């Protein structure tokens, strides 16, 4: 729906919501509201296939620089969608949670070094899984004997309640697409099923 909005409208939205953050009290010292629109068009042509795709992704963010209790902290909130209208609707709703988080951060105590059980939300869990596990199941690393995961296909690598998926067809996200750079249609690859490593991830060559 990007064609429904002008640059001036998006800029006005950012300015208005930034001003609201700063006017909420004397504690916000600075604020940033941004909307980043991304529009992708690709054409794939080979001897046997001709494909074209067009899609969008929009990231919106709010940042507050906040001073209280002798501290200056930063807090962040974000909204994202393939629709600009959804981001423009959701982002203003995050102002109150943003300022609440900022206030809490001004009274937060430094963590005592040690080992802790940590519960994260889906976005952070996915990031950790991507970096700590996802790169280790890339099949091009299997053939180079650079991946320990090669020895664990068909074996338990996680809790029986754990399932992990890869592929642009698995969920609507920033990594979604209709076909990849090899001209392969988007799929939904299950890497871990009920705790068992099922397969690695690959491009067409590997």
C-alpha atoms as a PDB file:
ATOM      1  CA  UNK A   1       0.000   0.000   0.000  1.00  0.00           C
ATOM      2  CA  UNK A   2       3.010   2.376  -0.350  1.00  0.00           C
ATOM      3  CA  UNK A   3       1.369   4.192  -3.259  1.00  0.00           C
ATOM      4  CA  UNK A   4      -1.348   5.379  -0.850  1.00  0.00           C
ATOM      5  CA  UNK A   5       1.085   7.565   1.114  1.00  0.00           C
ATOM      6  CA  UNK A   6       3.323  10.481   0.142  1.00  0.00           C
ATOM      7  CA  UNK A   7       6.739  11.194   1.648  1.00  0.00           C
ATOM      8  CA  UNK A   8       5.232  14.318   3.216  1.00  0.00           C
ATOM      9  CA  UNK A   9       2.570  12.241   5.005  1.00  0.00           C
ATOM     10  CA  UNK A  10       5.147   9.823   6.393  1.00  0.00           C
ATOM     11  CA  UNK A  11       7.413  12.672   7.520  1.00  0.00           C
ATOM     12  CA  UNK A  12       4.465  14.439   9.178  1.00  0.00           C
ATOM     13  CA  UNK A  13       3.592  11.206  11.013  1.00  0.00           C
ATOM     14  CA  UNK A  14       7.161  10.940  12.340  1.00  0.00           C
ATOM     15  CA  UNK A  15       7.309  14.600  13.410  1.00  0.00           C
ATOM     16  CA  UNK A  16       3.919  14.451  15.137  1.00  0.00           C
ATOM     17  CA  UNK A  17       4.699  11.328  17.127  1.00  0.00           C
ATOM     18  CA  UNK A  18       8.166  12.572  18.020  1.00  0.00           C
ATOM     19  CA  UNK A  19       6.640  15.787  19.381  1.00  0.00           C
ATOM     20  CA  UNK A  20       4.106  13.809  21.442  1.00  0.00           C
ATOM     21  CA  UNK A  21       6.915  11.852  23.098  1.00  0.00           C
ATOM     22  CA  UNK A  22       8.786  15.040  23.982  1.00  0.00           C
ATOM     23  CA  UNK A  23       5.645  16.768  25.252  1.00  0.00           C
ATOM     24  CA  UNK A  24       4.599  13.877  27.520  1.00  0.00           C
ATOM     25  CA  UNK A  25       6.719  15.212  30.416  1.00  0.00           C
ATOM     26  CA  UNK A  26      10.050  16.863  31.155  1.00  0.00           C
ATOM     27  CA  UNK A  27      11.823  13.494  31.413  1.00  0.00           C
ATOM     28  CA  UNK A  28      12.172  12.656  27.694  1.00  0.00           C
ATOM     29  CA  UNK A  29      15.299  14.591  26.681  1.00  0.00           C
ATOM     30  CA  UNK A  30      15.219  13.589  23.034  1.00  0.00           C
ATOM     31  CA  UNK A  31      13.241  11.303  20.768  1.00  0.00           C
ATOM     32  CA  UNK A  32      13.471   9.736  17.331  1.00  0.00           C
ATOM     33  CA  UNK A  33      10.566   8.331  15.339  1.00  0.00           C
ATOM     34  CA  UNK A  34      11.397   6.756  11.984  1.00  0.00           C
ATOM     35  CA  UNK A  35       9.650   4.807   9.250  1.00  0.00           C
ATOM     36  CA  UNK A  36      11.794   2.852   6.818  1.00  0.00           C
ATOM     37  CA  UNK A  37      10.069   1.559   3.682  1.00  0.00           C
ATOM     38  CA  UNK A  38      11.606  -1.123   1.521  1.00  0.00           C
ATOM     39  CA  UNK A  39      10.340  -2.132  -1.905  1.00  0.00           C
ATOM     40  CA  UNK A  40      11.855  -5.093  -3.732  1.00  0.00           C
ATOM     41  CA  UNK A  41      11.360  -6.053  -7.378  1.00  0.00           C
ATOM     42  CA  UNK A  42      13.239  -9.008  -8.892  1.00  0.00           C
ATOM     43  CA  UNK A  43      13.268 -10.854 -12.183  1.00  0.00           C
ATOM     44  CA  UNK A  44      14.733 -14.346 -12.624  1.00  0.00           C
ATOM     45  CA  UNK A  45      15.272 -15.720 -16.110  1.00  0.00           C
ATOM     46  CA  UNK A  46      16.869 -19.028 -17.038  1.00  0.00           C
ATOM     47  CA  UNK A  47      16.531 -21.556 -19.837  1.00  0.00           C
ATOM     48  CA  UNK A  48      13.548 -23.180 -18.121  1.00  0.00           C
ATOM     49  CA  UNK A  49      12.076 -20.497 -15.916  1.00  0.00           C
ATOM     50  CA  UNK A  50      10.959 -16.884 -15.922  1.00  0.00           C
ATOM     51  CA  UNK A  51       9.843 -15.422 -12.603  1.00  0.00           C
ATOM     52  CA  UNK A  52       9.122 -11.956 -11.286  1.00  0.00           C
ATOM     53  CA  UNK A  53       8.252 -10.760  -7.807  1.00  0.00           C
ATOM     54  CA  UNK A  54       7.437  -7.498  -6.079  1.00  0.00           C
ATOM     55  CA  UNK A  55       7.014  -7.055  -2.341  1.00  0.00           C
ATOM     56  CA  UNK A  56       7.430  -4.500   0.424  1.00  0.00           C
ATOM     57  CA  UNK A  57       8.571  -4.411   4.034  1.00  0.00           C
ATOM     58  CA  UNK A  58       8.198  -1.521   6.457  1.00  0.00           C
ATOM     59  CA  UNK A  59      10.049  -0.982   9.746  1.00  0.00           C
ATOM     60  CA  UNK A  60       8.927   1.688  12.179  1.00  0.00           C
ATOM     61  CA  UNK A  61      10.824   2.599  15.336  1.00  0.00           C
ATOM     62  CA  UNK A  62      10.592   4.872  18.359  1.00  0.00           C
ATOM     63  CA  UNK A  63      13.560   5.812  20.531  1.00  0.00           C
ATOM     64  CA  UNK A  64      13.402   7.865  23.705  1.00  0.00           C
ATOM     65  CA  UNK A  65      16.399   9.395  25.469  1.00  0.00           C
ATOM     66  CA  UNK A  66      15.104   9.680  29.014  1.00  0.00           C
ATOM     67  CA  UNK A  67      16.488  11.266  32.155  1.00  0.00           C
ATOM     68  CA  UNK A  68      15.424  10.519  35.737  1.00  0.00           C
ATOM     69  CA  UNK A  69      16.847   9.331  39.064  1.00  0.00           C
ATOM     70  CA  UNK A  70      20.262  10.696  38.135  1.00  0.00           C
ATOM     71  CA  UNK A  71      20.464   8.530  34.990  1.00  0.00           C
ATOM     72  CA  UNK A  72      20.092   9.065  31.251  1.00  0.00           C
ATOM     73  CA  UNK A  73      18.895   5.967  29.384  1.00  0.00           C
ATOM     74  CA  UNK A  74      17.646   4.963  25.942  1.00  0.00           C
ATOM     75  CA  UNK A  75      14.565   2.850  25.277  1.00  0.00           C
ATOM     76  CA  UNK A  76      13.416   1.416  21.949  1.00  0.00           C
ATOM     77  CA  UNK A  77      10.155   0.094  20.487  1.00  0.00           C
ATOM     78  CA  UNK A  78       9.407  -1.048  16.943  1.00  0.00           C
ATOM     79  CA  UNK A  79       6.566  -2.053  14.649  1.00  0.00           C
ATOM     80  CA  UNK A  80       6.858  -3.832  11.321  1.00  0.00           C
ATOM     81  CA  UNK A  81       4.669  -5.226   8.568  1.00  0.00           C
ATOM     82  CA  UNK A  82       4.398  -5.609   4.822  1.00  0.00           C
ATOM     83  CA  UNK A  83       1.765  -2.843   5.030  1.00  0.00           C
ATOM     84  CA  UNK A  84       2.637   0.773   5.774  1.00  0.00           C
ATOM     85  CA  UNK A  85      -0.886   1.361   7.112  1.00  0.00           C
ATOM     86  CA  UNK A  86      -0.328  -1.304   9.788  1.00  0.00           C
ATOM     87  CA  UNK A  87       2.930   0.289  10.944  1.00  0.00           C
ATOM     88  CA  UNK A  88       1.357   3.765  11.057  1.00  0.00           C
ATOM     89  CA  UNK A  89      -1.478   2.313  13.145  1.00  0.00           C
ATOM     90  CA  UNK A  90       0.677   0.258  15.534  1.00  0.00           C
ATOM     91  CA  UNK A  91       3.624   2.584  16.192  1.00  0.00           C
ATOM     92  CA  UNK A  92       1.743   5.319  18.142  1.00  0.00           C
ATOM     93  CA  UNK A  93       0.373   2.644  20.504  1.00  0.00           C
ATOM     94  CA  UNK A  94       3.949   1.912  21.583  1.00  0.00           C
ATOM     95  CA  UNK A  95       4.621   5.396  23.004  1.00  0.00           C
ATOM     96  CA  UNK A  96       3.274   4.578  26.470  1.00  0.00           C
ATOM     97  CA  UNK A  97       5.127   1.225  26.774  1.00  0.00           C
ATOM     98  CA  UNK A  98       8.287   2.970  25.510  1.00  0.00           C
ATOM     99  CA  UNK A  99       8.178   5.638  28.218  1.00  0.00           C
ATOM    100  CA  UNK A 100       7.298   3.029  30.852  1.00  0.00           C
ATOM    101  CA  UNK A 101      10.356   0.975  29.875  1.00  0.00           C
ATOM    102  CA  UNK A 102      12.543   4.086  29.940  1.00  0.00           C
ATOM    103  CA  UNK A 103      11.346   4.951  33.437  1.00  0.00           C
ATOM    104  CA  UNK A 104      12.052   1.414  34.658  1.00  0.00           C
ATOM    105  CA  UNK A 105      15.540   1.543  33.155  1.00  0.00           C
ATOM    106  CA  UNK A 106      16.392   4.601  35.267  1.00  0.00           C
ATOM    107  CA  UNK A 107      15.937   2.498  38.415  1.00  0.00           C
ATOM    108  CA  UNK A 108      17.463  -0.732  37.072  1.00  0.00           C
ATOM    109  CA  UNK A 109      20.459  -2.117  38.965  1.00  0.00           C
ATOM    110  CA  UNK A 110      23.526  -3.605  37.251  1.00  0.00           C
ATOM    111  CA  UNK A 111      23.267  -7.392  36.974  1.00  0.00           C
ATOM    112  CA  UNK A 112      25.523  -9.462  39.220  1.00  0.00           C
ATOM    113  CA  UNK A 113      27.844 -11.561  37.027  1.00  0.00           C
ATOM    114  CA  UNK A 114      26.841 -15.224  36.987  1.00  0.00           C
ATOM    115  CA  UNK A 115      24.842 -17.900  35.172  1.00  0.00           C
ATOM    116  CA  UNK A 116      21.113 -17.284  34.778  1.00  0.00           C
ATOM    117  CA  UNK A 117      18.073 -18.880  33.171  1.00  0.00           C
ATOM    118  CA  UNK A 118      16.760 -16.277  30.723  1.00  0.00           C
ATOM    119  CA  UNK A 119      13.326 -16.120  29.094  1.00  0.00           C
ATOM    120  CA  UNK A 120      13.192 -14.145  25.839  1.00  0.00           C
ATOM    121  CA  UNK A 121      10.379 -13.195  23.491  1.00  0.00           C
ATOM    122  CA  UNK A 122      10.061 -14.693  20.024  1.00  0.00           C
ATOM    123  CA  UNK A 123      12.124 -12.051  18.203  1.00  0.00           C
ATOM    124  CA  UNK A 124      15.168 -12.477  20.465  1.00  0.00           C
ATOM    125  CA  UNK A 125      14.764 -16.266  20.636  1.00  0.00           C
ATOM    126  CA  UNK A 126      14.810 -16.386  16.844  1.00  0.00           C
ATOM    127  CA  UNK A 127      17.911 -14.189  16.682  1.00  0.00           C
ATOM    128  CA  UNK A 128      19.781 -16.398  19.161  1.00  0.00           C
ATOM    129  CA  UNK A 129      18.714 -19.554  17.304  1.00  0.00           C
ATOM    130  CA  UNK A 130      19.822 -18.050  13.980  1.00  0.00           C
ATOM    131  CA  UNK A 131      23.295 -17.116  15.189  1.00  0.00           C
ATOM    132  CA  UNK A 132      24.009 -19.967  17.605  1.00  0.00           C
ATOM    133  CA  UNK A 133      22.421 -22.816  15.658  1.00  0.00           C
ATOM    134  CA  UNK A 134      21.260 -21.779  12.198  1.00  0.00           C
ATOM    135  CA  UNK A 135      24.699 -21.121  10.707  1.00  0.00           C
ATOM    136  CA  UNK A 136      25.853 -24.510  11.966  1.00  0.00           C
ATOM    137  CA  UNK A 137      23.292 -26.365   9.837  1.00  0.00           C
ATOM    138  CA  UNK A 138      24.212 -24.789   6.491  1.00  0.00           C
ATOM    139  CA  UNK A 139      24.806 -27.716   4.121  1.00  0.00           C
ATOM    140  CA  UNK A 140      27.766 -26.112   2.365  1.00  0.00           C
ATOM    141  CA  UNK A 141      29.530 -26.393   5.744  1.00  0.00           C
ATOM    142  CA  UNK A 142      28.552 -30.085   5.930  1.00  0.00           C
ATOM    143  CA  UNK A 143      30.439 -30.929   2.732  1.00  0.00           C
ATOM    144  CA  UNK A 144      33.483 -28.999   3.976  1.00  0.00           C
ATOM    145  CA  UNK A 145      33.373 -30.886   7.320  1.00  0.00           C
ATOM    146  CA  UNK A 146      33.043 -27.566   9.134  1.00  0.00           C
ATOM    147  CA  UNK A 147      29.698 -28.285  10.851  1.00  0.00           C
ATOM    148  CA  UNK A 148      29.294 -30.406  13.964  1.00  0.00           C
ATOM    149  CA  UNK A 149      25.595 -30.710  13.105  1.00  0.00           C
ATOM    150  CA  UNK A 150      26.507 -33.160  10.335  1.00  0.00           C
ATOM    151  CA  UNK A 151      26.913 -35.856  13.013  1.00  0.00           C
ATOM    152  CA  UNK A 152      23.546 -35.141  14.612  1.00  0.00           C
ATOM    153  CA  UNK A 153      21.044 -35.484  11.762  1.00  0.00           C
ATOM    154  CA  UNK A 154      18.288 -37.798  12.990  1.00  0.00           C
ATOM    155  CA  UNK A 155      19.278 -37.272  16.632  1.00  0.00           C
ATOM    156  CA  UNK A 156      17.957 -35.151  19.487  1.00  0.00           C
ATOM    157  CA  UNK A 157      19.576 -31.722  19.601  1.00  0.00           C
ATOM    158  CA  UNK A 158      16.891 -29.947  21.638  1.00  0.00           C
ATOM    159  CA  UNK A 159      13.927 -30.424  23.935  1.00  0.00           C
ATOM    160  CA  UNK A 160      11.127 -32.630  22.474  1.00  0.00           C
ATOM    161  CA  UNK A 161       8.873 -29.546  22.459  1.00  0.00           C
ATOM    162  CA  UNK A 162      11.303 -27.638  20.214  1.00  0.00           C
ATOM    163  CA  UNK A 163      10.530 -27.110  16.525  1.00  0.00           C
ATOM    164  CA  UNK A 164      12.554 -24.889  14.188  1.00  0.00           C
ATOM    165  CA  UNK A 165      11.741 -23.836  10.646  1.00  0.00           C
ATOM    166  CA  UNK A 166      13.580 -22.022   7.866  1.00  0.00           C
ATOM    167  CA  UNK A 167      12.423 -20.643   4.567  1.00  0.00           C
ATOM    168  CA  UNK A 168      10.490 -17.660   3.319  1.00  0.00           C
ATOM    169  CA  UNK A 169       7.253 -19.656   3.353  1.00  0.00           C
ATOM    170  CA  UNK A 170       7.489 -20.402   7.085  1.00  0.00           C
ATOM    171  CA  UNK A 171       6.237 -16.989   8.271  1.00  0.00           C
ATOM    172  CA  UNK A 172       5.555 -13.466   7.047  1.00  0.00           C
ATOM    173  CA  UNK A 173       8.685 -11.523   7.989  1.00  0.00           C
ATOM    174  CA  UNK A 174      11.502  -9.322   6.729  1.00  0.00           C
ATOM    175  CA  UNK A 175      13.066 -12.423   5.166  1.00  0.00           C
ATOM    176  CA  UNK A 176       9.968 -13.374   3.181  1.00  0.00           C
ATOM    177  CA  UNK A 177      10.025 -13.664  -0.609  1.00  0.00           C
ATOM    178  CA  UNK A 178       8.303 -15.618  -3.381  1.00  0.00           C
ATOM    179  CA  UNK A 179      11.478 -17.077  -4.924  1.00  0.00           C
ATOM    180  CA  UNK A 180      15.164 -16.918  -4.033  1.00  0.00           C
ATOM    181  CA  UNK A 181      18.209 -15.905  -6.057  1.00  0.00           C
ATOM    182  CA  UNK A 182      18.476 -19.455  -7.466  1.00  0.00           C
ATOM    183  CA  UNK A 183      14.949 -19.151  -8.875  1.00  0.00           C
ATOM    184  CA  UNK A 184      13.666 -21.675  -6.317  1.00  0.00           C
ATOM    185  CA  UNK A 185      10.146 -21.019  -5.069  1.00  0.00           C
ATOM    186  CA  UNK A 186       9.867 -20.094  -1.393  1.00  0.00           C
ATOM    187  CA  UNK A 187       9.401 -23.070   0.894  1.00  0.00           C
ATOM    188  CA  UNK A 188       9.015 -24.052   4.519  1.00  0.00           C
ATOM    189  CA  UNK A 189      11.907 -26.252   5.655  1.00  0.00           C
ATOM    190  CA  UNK A 190      11.640 -27.936   9.035  1.00  0.00           C
ATOM    191  CA  UNK A 191      15.120 -28.097  10.585  1.00  0.00           C
ATOM    192  CA  UNK A 192      14.175 -29.459  14.012  1.00  0.00           C
ATOM    193  CA  UNK A 193      11.056 -31.551  14.539  1.00  0.00           C
ATOM    194  CA  UNK A 194      10.080 -32.385  18.119  1.00  0.00           C
ATOM    195  CA  UNK A 195      13.689 -31.922  19.205  1.00  0.00           C
ATOM    196  CA  UNK A 196      15.253 -34.014  16.404  1.00  0.00           C
ATOM    197  CA  UNK A 197      17.534 -32.467  13.769  1.00  0.00           C
ATOM    198  CA  UNK A 198      15.778 -33.320  10.500  1.00  0.00           C
ATOM    199  CA  UNK A 199      17.866 -31.523   7.892  1.00  0.00           C
ATOM    200  CA  UNK A 200      20.204 -28.659   7.233  1.00  0.00           C
ATOM    201  CA  UNK A 201      19.509 -25.596   5.089  1.00  0.00           C
ATOM    202  CA  UNK A 202      20.858 -25.086   1.610  1.00  0.00           C
ATOM    203  CA  UNK A 203      20.952 -23.161  -1.598  1.00  0.00           C
ATOM    204  CA  UNK A 204      20.491 -24.953  -4.928  1.00  0.00           C
ATOM    205  CA  UNK A 205      24.174 -25.887  -5.226  1.00  0.00           C
ATOM    206  CA  UNK A 206      24.641 -27.364  -1.751  1.00  0.00           C
END
